């Protein structure tokens, strides 16, 4: 029975992949996935409206849409005062290196736990790499580099959830993730960022201290969001609202400037595709297929740590990191009570790699929309590097297990 459920799940994702391969719009491909899920798993039509409504009634889902809109609004404000463009010039002066601009800026903005941060990353990566990378490559660089902090930082719910469920101390986990973060950065650097010329085509800085100060002045609104989240524990929506109000005051926006942005920040395509991703997640969660994975994988003739690595990888593709972490972490640490930090690092790496190719990952939708490439093109660009990362992390697990 469990095997049949997984076959059905494979068909659902095959429907999405085939529609994308036929160059159908993303909204149509996702809608096809939702319909296939409902039909294959026998989800009663009576339940459909309730599952769709959960996107709005469940704050964890609805807040994704709200934060996406608010950060797009903040982006409009920053564009109106040319803050992103000026920050790009500051980076050029401070580092005088296109590769640093395209790689470090997404890492920095990736500190923000919001899918809408992809838009800000895209602005900078596109400016640094236009003419040197294709849109598909730009989308990969933006998504891959932006998500590196998500694998490790406690600003992300997945990290906090796994730390809580596994009992591994956060400092120990973060120390163990230093090497994986470096590997992720190198996989993003080769071969794409390496192809960018170092010279950004602008004069080198005459005063790097001034450039650093100017960079802070132009990006303080993003730093404020981070401080509010990390220091005060605010949710993303609240933190962005505070930043919007602060930017309005500091940059002296008038109501006649702000009112038109209410409409221009409403990106119908972006919000619509994100909404459908959230609906697909609700339907998949309703089927309970994720709970079938441990039973199916337990019959495989491989070591337990590899079984759970597969579980977290496949589960991460299906439901995203939080779902499989909540389900799989207690199982993994019950089966391997001495797993400790090495096991947590391995499982988090598997989750992270899976999230980079998951059609339910909202950020991938944002990146593909921004660069006007299909989600399938972005996933195909990412898949080999995600799999290589997993293989390398299994080797790293052996080292950690031997040391600890």
Protein backbone atom coordinates (compact mmCIF):
# COMPACT_ATOMS: atom_id res chain seq x y z
CA UNK A 1 0.00 0.00 0.00
CA UNK A 2 2.78 2.41 0.90
CA UNK A 3 4.54 1.69 -2.39
CA UNK A 4 1.31 2.46 -4.28
CA UNK A 5 1.02 5.80 -2.49
CA UNK A 6 4.56 6.71 -3.52
CA UNK A 7 3.83 5.74 -7.12
CA UNK A 8 0.85 8.08 -7.06
CA UNK A 9 3.06 10.81 -5.63
CA UNK A 10 5.58 10.26 -8.41
CA UNK A 11 2.78 10.64 -10.95
CA UNK A 12 1.76 13.96 -9.39
CA UNK A 13 5.23 15.39 -9.82
CA UNK A 14 5.49 13.84 -13.27
CA UNK A 15 2.37 15.78 -14.28
CA UNK A 16 3.99 19.02 -13.15
CA UNK A 17 7.28 18.20 -14.89
CA UNK A 18 5.60 17.20 -18.15
CA UNK A 19 3.48 20.35 -18.25
CA UNK A 20 6.56 22.47 -17.58
CA UNK A 21 8.47 20.58 -20.28
CA UNK A 22 5.63 21.39 -22.69
CA UNK A 23 6.19 25.04 -21.78
CA UNK A 24 2.81 25.40 -20.15
CA UNK A 25 2.55 28.37 -17.75
CA UNK A 26 3.61 27.68 -14.19
CA UNK A 27 0.11 28.34 -12.85
CA UNK A 28 -1.28 25.68 -15.20
CA UNK A 29 1.45 23.17 -14.27
CA UNK A 30 0.82 23.68 -10.55
CA UNK A 31 -2.94 23.49 -11.06
CA UNK A 32 -2.39 20.20 -12.89
CA UNK A 33 -0.40 18.93 -9.91
CA UNK A 34 -3.16 19.93 -7.49
CA UNK A 35 -5.83 18.23 -9.63
CA UNK A 36 -3.69 15.09 -10.04
CA UNK A 37 -3.20 14.94 -6.25
CA UNK A 38 -6.92 15.25 -5.63
CA UNK A 39 -7.87 12.59 -8.19
CA UNK A 40 -5.11 10.05 -7.51
CA UNK A 41 -5.43 10.19 -3.72
CA UNK A 42 -9.22 10.34 -3.76
CA UNK A 43 -9.52 13.71 -2.06
CA UNK A 44 -13.25 14.37 -1.95
CA UNK A 45 -14.40 17.47 -3.86
CA UNK A 46 -16.19 18.44 -0.65
CA UNK A 47 -12.77 18.90 0.98
CA UNK A 48 -11.28 21.00 -1.82
CA UNK A 49 -12.69 24.40 -0.75
CA UNK A 50 -11.49 23.86 2.81
CA UNK A 51 -7.97 22.96 1.70
CA UNK A 52 -7.80 26.02 -0.55
CA UNK A 53 -9.17 28.19 2.25
CA UNK A 54 -6.45 26.94 4.62
CA UNK A 55 -3.95 29.01 2.68
CA UNK A 56 -5.79 32.05 4.06
CA UNK A 57 -6.86 30.71 7.46
CA UNK A 58 -3.48 29.17 8.39
CA UNK A 59 -1.21 32.07 9.27
CA UNK A 60 1.94 30.12 8.42
CA UNK A 61 0.72 29.92 4.82
CA UNK A 62 -1.04 33.27 4.53
CA UNK A 63 1.93 35.13 6.03
CA UNK A 64 4.02 33.99 3.04
CA UNK A 65 1.69 35.88 0.71
CA UNK A 66 1.53 38.91 3.00
CA UNK A 67 5.29 39.11 3.46
CA UNK A 68 5.78 38.66 -0.28
CA UNK A 69 3.52 41.63 -0.95
CA UNK A 70 5.07 43.81 1.76
CA UNK A 71 8.66 43.21 0.69
CA UNK A 72 7.67 43.92 -2.90
CA UNK A 73 6.20 47.18 -1.60
CA UNK A 74 9.44 47.92 0.27
CA UNK A 75 11.33 47.17 -2.92
CA UNK A 76 9.23 49.75 -4.77
CA UNK A 77 10.09 52.33 -2.12
CA UNK A 78 13.81 51.55 -2.31
CA UNK A 79 13.69 51.71 -6.12
CA UNK A 80 12.00 55.10 -5.96
CA UNK A 81 14.97 56.43 -3.99
CA UNK A 82 17.48 54.30 -6.00
CA UNK A 83 18.71 52.59 -2.82
CA UNK A 84 19.36 49.18 -4.44
CA UNK A 85 21.21 50.76 -7.35
CA UNK A 86 23.30 52.87 -4.98
CA UNK A 87 24.04 49.78 -2.85
CA UNK A 88 25.31 48.06 -6.00
CA UNK A 89 27.64 51.01 -6.61
CA UNK A 90 28.83 50.80 -2.99
CA UNK A 91 29.65 47.11 -3.44
CA UNK A 92 31.52 47.95 -6.64
CA UNK A 93 33.59 50.51 -4.79
CA UNK A 94 34.10 48.45 -1.65
CA UNK A 95 35.14 45.19 -3.33
CA UNK A 96 35.54 46.24 -6.98
CA UNK A 97 34.59 42.71 -7.98
CA UNK A 98 31.51 41.50 -9.88
CA UNK A 99 31.88 38.04 -8.40
CA UNK A 100 31.63 39.37 -4.88
CA UNK A 101 28.59 41.45 -5.81
CA UNK A 102 26.77 38.48 -7.34
CA UNK A 103 27.77 36.04 -4.59
CA UNK A 104 27.93 38.01 -1.35
CA UNK A 105 24.83 40.17 -1.86
CA UNK A 106 22.46 37.17 -2.02
CA UNK A 107 24.19 35.66 1.01
CA UNK A 108 23.62 38.87 2.93
CA UNK A 109 20.02 39.32 1.82
CA UNK A 110 19.49 35.61 2.47
CA UNK A 111 19.59 36.45 6.16
CA UNK A 112 16.00 37.59 5.66
CA UNK A 113 13.63 34.61 6.13
CA UNK A 114 11.28 35.64 3.34
CA UNK A 115 10.68 34.44 -0.20
CA UNK A 116 10.33 38.05 -1.32
CA UNK A 117 14.00 38.63 -0.50
CA UNK A 118 14.65 36.77 -3.76
CA UNK A 119 13.49 39.87 -5.62
CA UNK A 120 16.10 42.05 -3.93
CA UNK A 121 18.77 39.41 -4.62
CA UNK A 122 17.69 39.24 -8.24
CA UNK A 123 18.14 42.97 -8.73
CA UNK A 124 21.76 42.83 -7.65
CA UNK A 125 22.71 39.51 -9.32
CA UNK A 126 21.14 40.58 -12.60
CA UNK A 127 23.02 43.86 -12.60
CA UNK A 128 26.33 42.13 -11.83
CA UNK A 129 25.97 39.27 -14.33
CA UNK A 130 23.94 40.53 -17.30
CA UNK A 131 25.76 39.68 -20.50
CA UNK A 132 27.89 37.01 -18.82
CA UNK A 133 25.31 34.50 -17.54
CA UNK A 134 22.09 33.29 -19.13
CA UNK A 135 18.79 33.99 -17.29
CA UNK A 136 18.67 30.32 -16.23
CA UNK A 137 22.18 30.56 -14.76
CA UNK A 138 21.32 33.85 -13.08
CA UNK A 139 18.25 32.24 -11.52
CA UNK A 140 20.38 29.38 -10.18
CA UNK A 141 23.03 31.70 -8.70
CA UNK A 142 20.41 33.88 -7.07
CA UNK A 143 18.47 30.99 -5.56
CA UNK A 144 21.47 28.87 -4.56
CA UNK A 145 23.50 31.62 -2.90
CA UNK A 146 20.51 33.28 -1.25
CA UNK A 147 19.55 30.04 0.51
CA UNK A 148 22.92 29.18 2.05
CA UNK A 149 22.12 30.93 5.37
CA UNK A 150 18.81 29.04 5.52
CA UNK A 151 20.72 25.80 6.09
CA UNK A 152 22.24 26.99 9.34
CA UNK A 153 20.78 30.13 10.93
CA UNK A 154 18.21 30.03 13.73
CA UNK A 155 16.24 32.78 11.98
CA UNK A 156 14.71 29.90 10.01
CA UNK A 157 12.04 27.72 11.59
CA UNK A 158 13.46 24.46 10.20
CA UNK A 159 16.73 24.88 12.12
CA UNK A 160 14.98 25.74 15.38
CA UNK A 161 12.55 22.86 14.96
CA UNK A 162 15.25 20.27 14.36
CA UNK A 163 17.37 21.58 17.23
CA UNK A 164 14.37 21.27 19.54
CA UNK A 165 13.38 17.78 18.39
CA UNK A 166 16.90 16.34 18.22
CA UNK A 167 18.25 17.81 21.46
CA UNK A 168 21.48 18.85 19.71
CA UNK A 169 22.79 22.20 21.08
CA UNK A 170 22.47 25.02 18.57
CA UNK A 171 26.12 26.18 18.87
CA UNK A 172 27.32 22.62 18.21
CA UNK A 173 25.09 22.33 15.14
CA UNK A 174 26.18 25.70 13.76
CA UNK A 175 29.84 24.75 14.21
CA UNK A 176 29.22 21.52 12.33
CA UNK A 177 27.56 23.45 9.47
CA UNK A 178 30.59 25.64 8.72
CA UNK A 179 32.02 23.14 6.19
CA UNK A 180 28.66 22.52 4.47
CA UNK A 181 28.16 26.27 4.04
CA UNK A 182 31.60 26.58 2.46
CA UNK A 183 30.81 23.66 0.14
CA UNK A 184 27.52 25.29 -0.86
CA UNK A 185 29.31 28.54 -1.64
CA UNK A 186 31.92 26.75 -3.75
CA UNK A 187 29.25 24.83 -5.68
CA UNK A 188 27.65 28.18 -6.48
CA UNK A 189 30.96 29.78 -7.40
CA UNK A 190 32.04 27.05 -9.84
CA UNK A 191 31.49 27.40 -12.71
CA UNK A 192 29.11 30.36 -12.88
CA UNK A 193 30.47 33.16 -10.69
CA UNK A 194 33.97 32.27 -11.78
CA UNK A 195 33.02 33.23 -15.34
CA UNK A 196 32.26 36.81 -14.34
CA UNK A 197 35.06 39.31 -14.85
CA UNK A 198 36.31 40.70 -11.59
CA UNK A 199 36.34 44.29 -12.84
CA UNK A 200 32.81 45.74 -12.53
CA UNK A 201 33.64 48.41 -15.10
CA UNK A 202 33.64 51.24 -12.59
CA UNK A 203 36.52 53.19 -11.00
CA UNK A 204 38.02 51.60 -7.87
CA UNK A 205 37.16 53.08 -4.51
CA UNK A 206 39.06 56.09 -3.27
CA UNK A 207 37.65 55.74 0.25
CA UNK A 208 36.53 52.24 1.27
CA UNK A 209 35.44 53.37 4.71
CA UNK A 210 33.05 55.84 3.11
CA UNK A 211 31.79 53.14 0.75
CA UNK A 212 31.10 50.82 3.70
CA UNK A 213 29.21 53.62 5.46
CA UNK A 214 27.22 54.37 2.31
CA UNK A 215 26.41 50.67 1.89
CA UNK A 216 24.93 50.67 5.39
CA UNK A 217 23.00 53.84 4.63
CA UNK A 218 21.47 52.28 1.52
CA UNK A 219 20.66 48.88 3.04
CA UNK A 220 19.81 49.85 6.62
CA UNK A 221 16.15 49.02 6.00
CA UNK A 222 17.09 45.36 5.41
CA UNK A 223 19.37 45.30 8.46
CA UNK A 224 16.52 46.73 10.51
CA UNK A 225 14.32 43.80 9.51
CA UNK A 226 17.03 41.38 10.64
CA UNK A 227 17.50 43.13 13.98
CA UNK A 228 13.76 43.16 14.64
CA UNK A 229 13.53 39.43 13.88
CA UNK A 230 16.68 38.30 15.72
CA UNK A 231 16.79 40.69 18.67
CA UNK A 232 13.10 41.36 19.32
CA UNK A 233 11.60 38.15 17.96
CA UNK A 234 9.17 39.87 15.60
CA UNK A 235 7.59 37.91 12.78
CA UNK A 236 8.62 38.75 9.22
CA UNK A 237 5.38 40.58 8.45
CA UNK A 238 5.66 42.82 11.51
CA UNK A 239 9.36 43.50 10.94
CA UNK A 240 8.81 44.50 7.29
CA UNK A 241 5.91 46.77 8.25
CA UNK A 242 8.14 48.58 10.75
CA UNK A 243 10.85 48.93 8.10
CA UNK A 244 8.35 50.32 5.57
CA UNK A 245 7.21 52.95 8.07
CA UNK A 246 10.82 53.84 8.92
CA UNK A 247 11.78 54.19 5.24
CA UNK A 248 8.72 56.37 4.64
CA UNK A 249 9.81 58.72 7.42
CA UNK A 250 13.57 58.75 6.74
CA UNK A 251 13.20 59.23 2.99
CA UNK A 252 10.28 61.64 3.37
CA UNK A 253 7.80 59.84 1.18
CA UNK A 254 4.61 61.74 0.52
CA UNK A 255 1.19 60.03 0.41
CA UNK A 256 0.90 60.74 -3.31
CA UNK A 257 4.09 58.64 -3.82
CA UNK A 258 3.05 55.80 -1.54
CA UNK A 259 -0.53 55.26 -2.71
CA UNK A 260 0.31 54.17 -6.30
CA UNK A 261 2.75 51.59 -4.88
CA UNK A 262 -0.16 49.80 -3.20
CA UNK A 263 -1.24 48.69 -6.66
CA UNK A 264 2.18 48.29 -8.31
CA UNK A 265 3.43 46.05 -5.46
CA UNK A 266 0.59 43.62 -6.17
CA UNK A 267 2.34 41.29 -8.60
CA UNK A 268 -0.54 39.15 -9.81
CA UNK A 269 1.59 36.48 -11.46
CA UNK A 270 4.01 36.21 -8.53
CA UNK A 271 1.32 36.07 -5.85
CA UNK A 272 -0.89 33.78 -7.93
CA UNK A 273 1.86 31.21 -8.51
CA UNK A 274 2.88 31.37 -4.86
CA UNK A 275 -0.72 30.81 -3.83
CA UNK A 276 -0.91 27.67 -6.00
CA UNK A 277 2.32 26.31 -4.47
CA UNK A 278 0.75 26.73 -1.02
CA UNK A 279 -2.45 25.01 -2.20
CA UNK A 280 -0.40 22.07 -3.54
CA UNK A 281 1.33 21.76 -0.16
CA UNK A 282 -2.05 21.68 1.62
CA UNK A 283 -3.35 18.93 -0.67
CA UNK A 284 -0.19 16.84 -0.23
CA UNK A 285 -0.34 17.25 3.54
CA UNK A 286 -3.98 16.16 3.52
CA UNK A 287 -3.15 12.88 1.72
CA UNK A 288 -0.82 11.78 4.51
CA UNK A 289 1.61 10.38 1.94
CA UNK A 290 4.59 11.74 3.86
CA UNK A 291 3.82 9.39 6.77
CA UNK A 292 4.21 6.43 4.38
CA UNK A 293 7.85 7.17 3.56
CA UNK A 294 9.53 5.68 6.69
CA UNK A 295 7.71 2.37 6.30
CA UNK A 296 8.68 2.12 2.63
CA UNK A 297 12.31 3.09 3.09
CA UNK A 298 12.82 0.83 6.11
CA UNK A 299 12.80 -2.20 3.80
CA UNK A 300 15.84 -1.01 1.87
CA UNK A 301 19.14 -2.94 2.41
CA UNK A 302 21.18 0.14 3.40
CA UNK A 303 22.48 1.58 6.70
CA UNK A 304 19.95 3.44 8.90
CA UNK A 305 21.64 6.84 8.49
CA UNK A 306 21.29 6.54 4.70
CA UNK A 307 17.66 5.51 5.07
CA UNK A 308 16.94 8.69 7.01
CA UNK A 309 19.00 10.75 4.59
CA UNK A 310 16.74 9.47 1.78
CA UNK A 311 13.68 10.09 3.94
CA UNK A 312 14.64 13.70 4.58
CA UNK A 313 15.61 14.28 0.95
CA UNK A 314 12.41 12.83 -0.53
CA UNK A 315 10.26 14.35 2.20
CA UNK A 316 11.90 17.73 1.68
CA UNK A 317 11.01 17.62 -2.01
CA UNK A 318 7.40 16.70 -1.24
CA UNK A 319 6.52 19.00 1.63
CA UNK A 320 9.43 21.32 2.27
CA UNK A 321 11.83 21.27 5.22
CA UNK A 322 9.44 21.90 8.12
CA UNK A 323 7.10 18.99 7.34
CA UNK A 324 9.75 16.31 7.08
CA UNK A 325 11.72 17.72 10.02
CA UNK A 326 8.63 17.53 12.23
CA UNK A 327 7.90 13.96 11.13
CA UNK A 328 11.36 12.50 10.63
CA UNK A 329 13.55 13.98 13.39
CA UNK A 330 11.97 12.05 16.29
CA UNK A 331 12.12 8.85 14.20
CA UNK A 332 15.77 9.39 13.23
CA UNK A 333 17.03 10.11 16.73
CA UNK A 334 14.96 7.28 18.21
CA UNK A 335 16.52 4.85 15.72
CA UNK A 336 20.02 6.37 16.11
CA UNK A 337 20.12 7.69 19.71
CA UNK A 338 23.84 8.38 19.51
CA UNK A 339 23.56 10.28 16.22
CA UNK A 340 24.11 13.66 17.85
CA UNK A 341 25.44 16.62 15.93
CA UNK A 342 26.80 14.58 12.96
CA UNK A 343 23.37 13.09 12.24
CA UNK A 344 21.60 16.43 12.57
CA UNK A 345 24.08 18.06 10.18
CA UNK A 346 23.58 15.28 7.62
CA UNK A 347 19.78 15.41 7.82
CA UNK A 348 19.69 19.19 7.60
CA UNK A 349 21.95 19.08 4.55
CA UNK A 350 19.61 16.56 2.90
CA UNK A 351 16.65 18.83 3.67
CA UNK A 352 18.46 21.85 2.29
CA UNK A 353 19.42 20.12 -0.94
CA UNK A 354 15.85 18.87 -1.40
CA UNK A 355 14.39 22.33 -0.91
CA UNK A 356 16.48 23.66 -3.81
CA UNK A 357 14.66 21.39 -6.27
CA UNK A 358 11.21 21.16 -4.68
CA UNK A 359 8.27 22.43 -6.75
CA UNK A 360 6.59 23.36 -3.46
CA UNK A 361 9.42 25.77 -2.58
CA UNK A 362 8.01 29.27 -2.96
CA UNK A 363 11.41 30.91 -3.49
CA UNK A 364 12.00 28.89 -6.65
CA UNK A 365 8.75 30.22 -8.04
CA UNK A 366 9.82 33.78 -7.24
CA UNK A 367 13.25 33.28 -8.87
CA UNK A 368 11.85 31.68 -12.03
CA UNK A 369 9.25 34.44 -12.36
CA UNK A 370 11.86 37.16 -11.85
CA UNK A 371 14.20 35.84 -14.55
CA UNK A 372 11.34 34.69 -16.81
CA UNK A 373 12.54 31.09 -16.97
CA UNK A 374 10.47 28.00 -16.29
CA UNK A 375 10.58 26.30 -12.91
CA UNK A 376 11.70 23.15 -14.74
CA UNK A 377 14.72 24.95 -16.21
CA UNK A 378 15.75 26.18 -12.77
CA UNK A 379 15.34 22.72 -11.22
CA UNK A 380 17.36 21.07 -14.01
CA UNK A 381 20.13 23.60 -13.45
CA UNK A 382 20.12 22.91 -9.70
CA UNK A 383 19.60 19.14 -9.52
CA UNK A 384 23.19 17.98 -10.30
CA UNK A 385 24.64 20.32 -7.68
CA UNK A 386 22.04 19.37 -5.08
CA UNK A 387 22.83 15.66 -5.56
CA UNK A 388 26.60 16.30 -5.48
CA UNK A 389 26.16 18.25 -2.26
CA UNK A 390 24.33 15.30 -0.68
CA UNK A 391 27.07 12.86 -1.71
CA UNK A 392 29.77 15.13 -0.28
CA UNK A 393 27.82 15.53 2.96
CA UNK A 394 27.60 11.77 3.44
CA UNK A 395 31.39 11.72 3.35
CA UNK A 396 31.47 14.65 5.77
CA UNK A 397 29.13 12.70 8.08
CA UNK A 398 31.64 9.84 8.18
CA UNK A 399 34.34 12.29 9.27
CA UNK A 400 32.15 13.88 11.96
CA UNK A 401 30.98 10.48 13.21
CA UNK A 402 34.59 9.34 13.55
CA UNK A 403 35.56 12.50 15.44
CA UNK A 404 32.53 12.78 17.70
